[in-house]
C-alpha atoms as a PDB file:
ATOM      1  CA  UNK A   1     -14.619   7.554  10.218  1.00  0.00           C
ATOM      2  CA  UNK A   2     -11.336   6.836   8.357  1.00  0.00           C
ATOM      3  CA  UNK A   3     -10.471   7.434   4.728  1.00  0.00           C
ATOM      4  CA  UNK A   4      -7.492   6.003   2.829  1.00  0.00           C
ATOM      5  CA  UNK A   5      -6.577   7.627  -0.465  1.00  0.00           C
ATOM      6  CA  UNK A   6      -3.924   6.108  -2.764  1.00  0.00           C
ATOM      7  CA  UNK A   7      -1.875   8.105  -5.446  1.00  0.00           C
ATOM      8  CA  UNK A   8       1.057   7.539  -7.533  1.00  0.00           C
ATOM      9  CA  UNK A   9      -0.017   5.033  -9.930  1.00  0.00           C
ATOM     10  CA  UNK A  10       0.379   5.172 -13.764  1.00  0.00           C
ATOM     11  CA  UNK A  11       2.146   3.666 -16.745  1.00  0.00           C
ATOM     12  CA  UNK A  12       5.771   2.680 -16.569  1.00  0.00           C
ATOM     13  CA  UNK A  13       8.218   0.648 -18.675  1.00  0.00           C
ATOM     14  CA  UNK A  14       9.562  -2.542 -17.514  1.00  0.00           C
ATOM     15  CA  UNK A  15      12.729  -1.845 -15.269  1.00  0.00           C
ATOM     16  CA  UNK A  16      11.233   1.499 -14.243  1.00  0.00           C
ATOM     17  CA  UNK A  17       9.995   2.813 -10.846  1.00  0.00           C
ATOM     18  CA  UNK A  18       7.012   4.267  -9.200  1.00  0.00           C
ATOM     19  CA  UNK A  19       6.300   5.476  -5.695  1.00  0.00           C
ATOM     20  CA  UNK A  20       2.816   4.909  -4.269  1.00  0.00           C
ATOM     21  CA  UNK A  21       1.366   6.946  -1.476  1.00  0.00           C
ATOM     22  CA  UNK A  22      -1.564   6.320   0.988  1.00  0.00           C
ATOM     23  CA  UNK A  23      -2.911   9.045   3.326  1.00  0.00           C
ATOM     24  CA  UNK A  24      -5.134   8.329   6.080  1.00  0.00           C
ATOM     25  CA  UNK A  25      -7.611  11.040   7.282  1.00  0.00           C
ATOM     26  CA  UNK A  26     -10.655  11.292   9.604  1.00  0.00           C
ATOM     27  CA  UNK A  27     -11.154  10.547  13.255  1.00  0.00           C
ATOM     28  CA  UNK A  28      -9.182   7.858  14.966  1.00  0.00           C
ATOM     29  CA  UNK A  29      -7.013   7.230  18.044  1.00  0.00           C
ATOM     30  CA  UNK A  30      -4.223   5.171  16.548  1.00  0.00           C
ATOM     31  CA  UNK A  31      -3.189   3.544  13.242  1.00  0.00           C
ATOM     32  CA  UNK A  32      -1.506   0.105  13.833  1.00  0.00           C
ATOM     33  CA  UNK A  33      -0.203  -1.736  10.939  1.00  0.00           C
ATOM     34  CA  UNK A  34      -0.528  -0.522   7.390  1.00  0.00           C
ATOM     35  CA  UNK A  35       0.016  -2.559   4.177  1.00  0.00           C
ATOM     36  CA  UNK A  36      -0.213  -2.726   0.480  1.00  0.00           C
ATOM     37  CA  UNK A  37      -2.198  -5.234  -1.536  1.00  0.00           C
ATOM     38  CA  UNK A  38      -2.666  -5.720  -5.306  1.00  0.00           C
ATOM     39  CA  UNK A  39      -5.121  -7.277  -7.696  1.00  0.00           C
ATOM     40  CA  UNK A  40      -4.104  -8.209 -11.332  1.00  0.00           C
ATOM     41  CA  UNK A  41      -6.845  -8.594 -13.920  1.00  0.00           C
ATOM     42  CA  UNK A  42      -8.516 -11.816 -13.566  1.00  0.00           C
ATOM     43  CA  UNK A  43      -6.643 -12.751 -10.341  1.00  0.00           C
ATOM     44  CA  UNK A  44      -7.545 -12.559  -6.521  1.00  0.00           C
ATOM     45  CA  UNK A  45      -6.236  -9.779  -4.455  1.00  0.00           C
ATOM     46  CA  UNK A  46      -2.766 -10.593  -2.897  1.00  0.00           C
ATOM     47  CA  UNK A  47      -0.719  -9.201  -0.109  1.00  0.00           C
ATOM     48  CA  UNK A  48       2.409  -7.246  -1.215  1.00  0.00           C
ATOM     49  CA  UNK A  49       3.936  -5.641   1.967  1.00  0.00           C
ATOM     50  CA  UNK A  50       3.117  -4.628   5.671  1.00  0.00           C
ATOM     51  CA  UNK A  51       4.618  -2.196   8.000  1.00  0.00           C
ATOM     52  CA  UNK A  52       3.984  -2.063  11.744  1.00  0.00           C
ATOM     53  CA  UNK A  53       3.651   1.213  13.862  1.00  0.00           C
ATOM     54  CA  UNK A  54       7.274   0.405  14.981  1.00  0.00           C
ATOM     55  CA  UNK A  55       8.285   0.397  11.278  1.00  0.00           C
ATOM     56  CA  UNK A  56       9.012  -3.341  11.151  1.00  0.00           C
ATOM     57  CA  UNK A  57       8.393  -4.610   7.532  1.00  0.00           C
ATOM     58  CA  UNK A  58       7.491  -7.725   5.719  1.00  0.00           C
ATOM     59  CA  UNK A  59       7.332  -8.406   1.952  1.00  0.00           C
ATOM     60  CA  UNK A  60       5.813 -10.983  -0.345  1.00  0.00           C
ATOM     61  CA  UNK A  61       8.467 -12.965  -2.050  1.00  0.00           C
ATOM     62  CA  UNK A  62       7.506 -11.732  -5.440  1.00  0.00           C
ATOM     63  CA  UNK A  63       8.463  -8.137  -4.542  1.00  0.00           C
ATOM     64  CA  UNK A  64      11.274  -8.558  -1.959  1.00  0.00           C
ATOM     65  CA  UNK A  65      14.389  -6.568  -2.627  1.00  0.00           C
ATOM     66  CA  UNK A  66      12.549  -4.649  -5.396  1.00  0.00           C
ATOM     67  CA  UNK A  67       9.790  -2.747  -3.433  1.00  0.00           C
ATOM     68  CA  UNK A  68      10.253  -0.843  -0.151  1.00  0.00           C
ATOM     69  CA  UNK A  69       7.496   0.159   2.250  1.00  0.00           C
ATOM     70  CA  UNK A  70       7.774   3.024   4.695  1.00  0.00           C
ATOM     71  CA  UNK A  71       5.536   5.262   6.650  1.00  0.00           C
ATOM     72  CA  UNK A  72       5.315   8.733   8.238  1.00  0.00           C
ATOM     73  CA  UNK A  73       3.613   8.368  11.594  1.00  0.00           C
ATOM     74  CA  UNK A  74       3.003  12.118  11.841  1.00  0.00           C
ATOM     75  CA  UNK A  75       1.124  12.487   8.642  1.00  0.00           C
ATOM     76  CA  UNK A  76      -0.259   9.077   8.908  1.00  0.00           C
ATOM     77  CA  UNK A  77       0.916   7.996   5.400  1.00  0.00           C
ATOM     78  CA  UNK A  78       2.352   4.818   3.983  1.00  0.00           C
ATOM     79  CA  UNK A  79       4.467   4.519   0.924  1.00  0.00           C
ATOM     80  CA  UNK A  80       5.546   1.882  -1.536  1.00  0.00           C
ATOM     81  CA  UNK A  81       8.672   2.341  -3.520  1.00  0.00           C
ATOM     82  CA  UNK A  82       8.548   0.128  -6.509  1.00  0.00           C
ATOM     83  CA  UNK A  83      11.763  -0.450  -8.497  1.00  0.00           C
ATOM     84  CA  UNK A  84      12.746  -2.801 -11.371  1.00  0.00           C
ATOM     85  CA  UNK A  85       9.177  -3.152 -12.113  1.00  0.00           C
ATOM     86  CA  UNK A  86       8.000  -6.124 -14.220  1.00  0.00           C
ATOM     87  CA  UNK A  87       4.983  -6.670 -16.349  1.00  0.00           C
ATOM     88  CA  UNK A  88       3.633  -9.087 -13.814  1.00  0.00           C
ATOM     89  CA  UNK A  89       3.438  -6.268 -11.296  1.00  0.00           C
ATOM     90  CA  UNK A  90       0.649  -4.674 -13.380  1.00  0.00           C
ATOM     91  CA  UNK A  91      -2.376  -4.480 -10.936  1.00  0.00           C
ATOM     92  CA  UNK A  92      -4.747  -2.223  -8.990  1.00  0.00           C
ATOM     93  CA  UNK A  93      -2.874  -1.431  -5.769  1.00  0.00           C
ATOM     94  CA  UNK A  94      -4.792  -1.071  -2.483  1.00  0.00           C
ATOM     95  CA  UNK A  95      -3.753   0.617   0.673  1.00  0.00           C
ATOM     96  CA  UNK A  96      -4.878  -1.083   4.020  1.00  0.00           C
ATOM     97  CA  UNK A  97      -4.700   0.129   7.636  1.00  0.00           C
ATOM     98  CA  UNK A  98      -5.535  -1.474  10.887  1.00  0.00           C
ATOM     99  CA  UNK A  99      -7.178   1.389  12.986  1.00  0.00           C
ATOM    100  CA  UNK A 100      -8.423   2.084  16.510  1.00  0.00           C
ATOM    101  CA  UNK A 101     -11.270   4.514  15.940  1.00  0.00           C
ATOM    102  CA  UNK A 102     -12.536   4.583  19.375  1.00  0.00           C
ATOM    103  CA  UNK A 103     -12.083   2.613  22.923  1.00  0.00           C
ATOM    104  CA  UNK A 104     -12.727  -1.081  22.034  1.00  0.00           C
ATOM    105  CA  UNK A 105     -13.294  -0.342  18.258  1.00  0.00           C
ATOM    106  CA  UNK A 106     -10.589  -1.770  16.158  1.00  0.00           C
ATOM    107  CA  UNK A 107     -11.495  -1.488  12.362  1.00  0.00           C
ATOM    108  CA  UNK A 108      -9.795  -2.605   9.137  1.00  0.00           C
ATOM    109  CA  UNK A 109      -9.958   0.057   6.313  1.00  0.00           C
ATOM    110  CA  UNK A 110      -9.171  -0.208   2.503  1.00  0.00           C
ATOM    111  CA  UNK A 111      -8.382   2.428  -0.018  1.00  0.00           C
ATOM    112  CA  UNK A 112     -10.084   2.541  -3.451  1.00  0.00           C
ATOM    113  CA  UNK A 113      -7.009   1.544  -5.286  1.00  0.00           C
ATOM    114  CA  UNK A 114      -4.501   3.143  -7.784  1.00  0.00           C
ATOM    115  CA  UNK A 115      -3.768   1.392 -11.107  1.00  0.00           C
ATOM    116  CA  UNK A 116      -0.087   0.535 -12.027  1.00  0.00           C
ATOM    117  CA  UNK A 117       0.603  -0.617 -15.547  1.00  0.00           C
ATOM    118  CA  UNK A 118       4.118  -1.907 -16.497  1.00  0.00           C
ATOM    119  CA  UNK A 119       4.391  -2.296 -20.218  1.00  0.00           C
ATOM    120  CA  UNK A 120       6.552  -1.287 -23.023  1.00  0.00           C
END
Protein backbone atom coordinates (compact mmCIF):
# COMPACT_ATOMS: atom_id res chain seq x y z
CA UNK A 1 0.00 0.00 0.00
CA UNK A 2 2.73 2.46 1.01
CA UNK A 3 6.45 2.45 0.34
CA UNK A 4 9.07 4.57 2.08
CA UNK A 5 12.45 4.97 0.39
CA UNK A 6 15.38 6.62 2.16
CA UNK A 7 18.38 8.20 0.47
CA UNK A 8 21.35 10.43 1.29
CA UNK A 9 23.42 8.20 3.53
CA UNK A 10 27.15 7.73 3.13
CA UNK A 11 30.58 8.23 4.66
CA UNK A 12 31.39 11.58 6.28
CA UNK A 13 34.15 12.90 8.54
CA UNK A 14 33.43 13.99 12.12
CA UNK A 15 32.04 17.51 12.07
CA UNK A 16 30.62 17.06 8.59
CA UNK A 17 27.04 17.14 7.35
CA UNK A 18 24.59 14.92 5.49
CA UNK A 19 20.98 15.36 4.43
CA UNK A 20 18.72 12.32 4.43
CA UNK A 21 15.49 12.11 2.44
CA UNK A 22 12.52 9.75 2.66
CA UNK A 23 9.83 9.73 -0.01
CA UNK A 24 6.45 8.06 0.50
CA UNK A 25 4.63 6.55 -2.46
CA UNK A 26 1.62 4.32 -3.07
CA UNK A 27 -2.07 4.65 -2.29
CA UNK A 28 -3.07 6.45 0.88
CA UNK A 29 -5.49 9.09 2.10
CA UNK A 30 -3.25 10.98 4.49
CA UNK A 31 0.17 10.84 6.12
CA UNK A 32 0.12 11.94 9.72
CA UNK A 33 3.37 12.12 11.68
CA UNK A 34 6.69 11.13 10.09
CA UNK A 35 9.95 10.46 11.83
CA UNK A 36 13.48 9.15 11.79
CA UNK A 37 14.97 6.31 13.83
CA UNK A 38 18.45 4.84 13.83
CA UNK A 39 20.15 1.60 14.80
CA UNK A 40 23.86 1.42 15.51
CA UNK A 41 25.75 -1.89 15.27
CA UNK A 42 25.01 -4.04 18.30
CA UNK A 43 22.41 -1.62 19.66
CA UNK A 44 18.63 -1.39 19.64
CA UNK A 45 16.77 0.94 17.33
CA UNK A 46 16.29 4.38 18.86
CA UNK A 47 14.08 7.33 18.04
CA UNK A 48 15.81 10.38 16.53
CA UNK A 49 13.17 12.94 15.50
CA UNK A 50 9.49 13.33 14.65
CA UNK A 51 7.51 15.89 12.67
CA UNK A 52 3.71 16.14 12.63
CA UNK A 53 1.54 16.98 9.65
CA UNK A 54 1.43 20.52 11.04
CA UNK A 55 5.25 20.64 11.09
CA UNK A 56 5.67 20.51 14.86
CA UNK A 57 8.98 18.83 15.69
CA UNK A 58 10.59 16.84 18.50
CA UNK A 59 14.16 15.58 18.83
CA UNK A 60 16.13 13.11 20.90
CA UNK A 61 18.49 14.87 23.29
CA UNK A 62 21.49 13.30 21.57
CA UNK A 63 20.78 15.12 18.29
CA UNK A 64 18.98 18.29 19.39
CA UNK A 65 20.50 21.48 17.93
CA UNK A 66 22.55 19.39 15.49
CA UNK A 67 19.83 17.70 13.42
CA UNK A 68 16.79 19.31 11.79
CA UNK A 69 13.73 17.41 10.58
CA UNK A 70 11.44 18.89 7.93
CA UNK A 71 8.80 17.73 5.44
CA UNK A 72 7.17 18.53 2.13
CA UNK A 73 3.47 17.70 2.42
CA UNK A 74 2.92 18.06 -1.32
CA UNK A 75 5.56 15.49 -2.29
CA UNK A 76 5.12 13.45 0.93
CA UNK A 77 8.80 13.60 1.73
CA UNK A 78 10.56 13.96 5.07
CA UNK A 79 14.14 15.18 5.47
CA UNK A 80 16.80 15.01 8.16
CA UNK A 81 19.56 17.60 7.98
CA UNK A 82 22.48 16.26 10.03
CA UNK A 83 25.19 18.74 11.06
CA UNK A 84 28.23 18.47 13.35
CA UNK A 85 28.20 14.72 12.93
CA UNK A 86 29.93 12.58 15.53
CA UNK A 87 31.24 8.99 15.33
CA UNK A 88 28.43 7.93 17.68
CA UNK A 89 25.93 9.04 15.01
CA UNK A 90 27.05 6.08 12.89
CA UNK A 91 23.98 3.92 12.29
CA UNK A 92 21.41 2.74 9.79
CA UNK A 93 18.78 5.46 9.65
CA UNK A 94 15.15 4.44 9.11
CA UNK A 95 12.19 6.52 8.00
CA UNK A 96 8.81 6.00 9.67
CA UNK A 97 5.31 7.22 8.79
CA UNK A 98 1.88 7.02 10.40
CA UNK A 99 -0.52 6.65 7.45
CA UNK A 100 -4.26 6.49 6.78
CA UNK A 101 -4.47 4.06 3.86
CA UNK A 102 -8.28 3.70 3.84
CA UNK A 103 -11.24 4.56 6.06
CA UNK A 104 -10.54 3.15 9.53
CA UNK A 105 -7.18 1.83 8.34
CA UNK A 106 -4.33 3.51 10.18
CA UNK A 107 -0.99 1.86 9.50
CA UNK A 108 2.62 2.40 10.51
CA UNK A 109 5.29 1.99 7.81
CA UNK A 110 9.07 1.73 7.79
CA UNK A 111 11.68 2.29 5.13
CA UNK A 112 14.49 -0.18 4.56
CA UNK A 113 17.15 2.17 5.93
CA UNK A 114 20.18 4.10 4.73
CA UNK A 115 23.65 3.74 6.27
CA UNK A 116 25.43 6.76 7.76
CA UNK A 117 29.08 6.27 8.71
CA UNK A 118 30.94 9.03 10.58
CA UNK A 119 34.64 8.30 10.65
CA UNK A 120 37.99 9.91 9.96
